[in-house]
């Protein structure tokens, strides 16, 4: 009798553990634009005109700004000749592959994940 009870208890523990193992994981949090900017962009860019220039131009009020025209920053020849203003679509294409937008630019960063690009662009829009 004792063996049957022990066997039933063991079976119950296994059933409970298997049920726990099949519980769905919580949904992943969407990427936070501020964190992504700090991790992936802030090495080369600032969001403040009071900070010293870095390898890339400051991105203060980048939305709507003419490309290649931030005051005080020396752009590559290719980017200084750009004839467009930054908007959501241009920034998305730029972050995907800067060389495809303007061949000959120096920026090497590329972001394949649309969700990450969207979060960074939304953060830059908030900073405008």
Protein backbone atom coordinates (compact mmCIF):
# COMPACT_ATOMS: atom_id res chain seq x y z
CA UNK A 1 0.00 0.00 0.00
CA UNK A 2 2.82 2.34 0.92
CA UNK A 3 4.39 1.73 -2.50
CA UNK A 4 1.16 2.66 -4.29
CA UNK A 5 0.85 5.94 -2.35
CA UNK A 6 4.49 6.79 -3.03
CA UNK A 7 4.00 6.01 -6.72
CA UNK A 8 0.89 8.22 -6.90
CA UNK A 9 2.71 11.09 -5.17
CA UNK A 10 5.62 10.81 -7.59
CA UNK A 11 3.21 10.78 -10.55
CA UNK A 12 1.45 13.92 -9.24
CA UNK A 13 4.77 15.75 -8.84
CA UNK A 14 5.71 14.87 -12.43
CA UNK A 15 2.33 16.03 -13.76
CA UNK A 16 2.63 19.37 -11.93
CA UNK A 17 6.22 19.88 -13.14
CA UNK A 18 5.25 19.11 -16.73
CA UNK A 19 2.33 21.55 -16.51
CA UNK A 20 4.69 24.25 -15.18
CA UNK A 21 7.17 23.53 -17.96
CA UNK A 22 4.48 24.09 -20.60
CA UNK A 23 3.30 27.43 -19.24
CA UNK A 24 3.83 30.18 -21.83
CA UNK A 25 6.64 32.63 -21.26
CA UNK A 26 5.70 36.26 -20.74
CA UNK A 27 5.83 38.38 -23.87
CA UNK A 28 9.14 40.09 -24.50
CA UNK A 29 9.24 43.80 -23.75
CA UNK A 30 9.58 45.94 -26.86
CA UNK A 31 12.95 47.66 -27.13
CA UNK A 32 13.28 50.96 -25.34
CA UNK A 33 14.48 53.72 -27.69
CA UNK A 34 16.50 55.56 -25.05
CA UNK A 35 18.36 52.41 -24.03
CA UNK A 36 18.96 51.40 -27.63
CA UNK A 37 20.27 54.87 -28.47
CA UNK A 38 22.69 54.74 -25.54
CA UNK A 39 23.85 51.23 -26.49
CA UNK A 40 24.09 51.62 -30.24
CA UNK A 41 24.29 55.31 -31.18
CA UNK A 42 25.73 57.33 -28.29
CA UNK A 43 29.25 56.06 -28.90
CA UNK A 44 29.35 58.29 -32.00
CA UNK A 45 26.46 60.77 -31.54
CA UNK A 46 25.21 63.14 -28.84
CA UNK A 47 21.78 64.60 -28.24
CA UNK A 48 23.19 67.82 -26.85
CA UNK A 49 24.91 70.77 -28.48
CA UNK A 50 26.76 71.46 -25.22
CA UNK A 51 28.67 68.15 -25.39
CA UNK A 52 31.85 67.90 -27.47
CA UNK A 53 31.50 66.57 -31.01
CA UNK A 54 32.03 62.87 -31.42
CA UNK A 55 32.78 60.78 -34.48
CA UNK A 56 29.26 61.48 -35.83
CA UNK A 57 27.24 64.70 -35.80
CA UNK A 58 24.97 65.63 -32.90
CA UNK A 59 21.44 64.37 -33.48
CA UNK A 60 19.69 67.25 -31.72
CA UNK A 61 16.58 68.10 -33.75
CA UNK A 62 17.62 65.73 -36.55
CA UNK A 63 14.02 65.20 -37.73
CA UNK A 64 13.35 67.66 -40.53
CA UNK A 65 16.97 68.83 -40.63
CA UNK A 66 18.69 68.81 -44.01
CA UNK A 67 21.06 65.84 -44.29
CA UNK A 68 24.74 66.69 -44.03
CA UNK A 69 24.11 70.13 -42.60
CA UNK A 70 24.65 70.11 -38.80
CA UNK A 71 26.57 73.23 -37.87
CA UNK A 72 30.16 72.62 -36.79
CA UNK A 73 30.42 69.04 -38.06
CA UNK A 74 32.63 68.09 -41.01
CA UNK A 75 30.68 65.62 -43.14
CA UNK A 76 32.01 63.29 -45.80
CA UNK A 77 31.85 64.79 -49.29
CA UNK A 78 29.04 62.42 -50.27
CA UNK A 79 26.83 63.31 -47.30
CA UNK A 80 27.53 67.05 -47.53
CA UNK A 81 26.03 66.93 -51.05
CA UNK A 82 22.81 65.23 -49.89
CA UNK A 83 19.62 66.92 -51.04
CA UNK A 84 16.95 65.78 -48.58
CA UNK A 85 15.76 66.34 -45.01
CA UNK A 86 15.67 63.58 -42.42
CA UNK A 87 12.26 62.01 -41.89
CA UNK A 88 11.05 58.61 -40.64
CA UNK A 89 11.54 56.87 -44.00
CA UNK A 90 15.01 58.29 -44.67
CA UNK A 91 16.20 57.50 -41.15
CA UNK A 92 14.85 53.97 -41.42
CA UNK A 93 16.64 53.42 -44.73
CA UNK A 94 19.80 55.06 -43.31
CA UNK A 95 19.88 52.86 -40.22
CA UNK A 96 19.26 49.80 -42.40
CA UNK A 97 22.17 50.55 -44.75
CA UNK A 98 23.73 54.05 -44.96
CA UNK A 99 25.75 53.10 -48.06
CA UNK A 100 22.54 52.29 -49.95
CA UNK A 101 21.12 55.74 -49.15
CA UNK A 102 24.29 57.69 -49.99
CA UNK A 103 27.18 55.71 -51.50
CA UNK A 104 30.53 56.80 -50.10
CA UNK A 105 29.43 57.78 -46.60
CA UNK A 106 31.59 56.87 -43.62
CA UNK A 107 28.95 55.53 -41.21
CA UNK A 108 29.38 51.78 -40.81
CA UNK A 109 26.46 51.05 -38.44
CA UNK A 110 23.65 48.88 -39.81
CA UNK A 111 20.55 47.66 -38.01
CA UNK A 112 18.66 44.76 -39.59
CA UNK A 113 15.82 44.65 -37.03
CA UNK A 114 12.91 46.90 -38.02
CA UNK A 115 11.66 46.97 -34.41
CA UNK A 116 15.01 48.32 -33.18
CA UNK A 117 15.18 50.96 -35.93
CA UNK A 118 11.61 52.06 -35.17
CA UNK A 119 12.39 52.43 -31.44
CA UNK A 120 15.51 54.52 -32.13
CA UNK A 121 13.65 56.73 -34.61
CA UNK A 122 10.75 57.22 -32.17
CA UNK A 123 13.25 58.22 -29.48
CA UNK A 124 14.94 60.72 -31.81
CA UNK A 125 11.51 62.20 -32.63
CA UNK A 126 10.80 62.59 -28.89
CA UNK A 127 14.06 64.52 -28.55
CA UNK A 128 13.15 67.00 -31.30
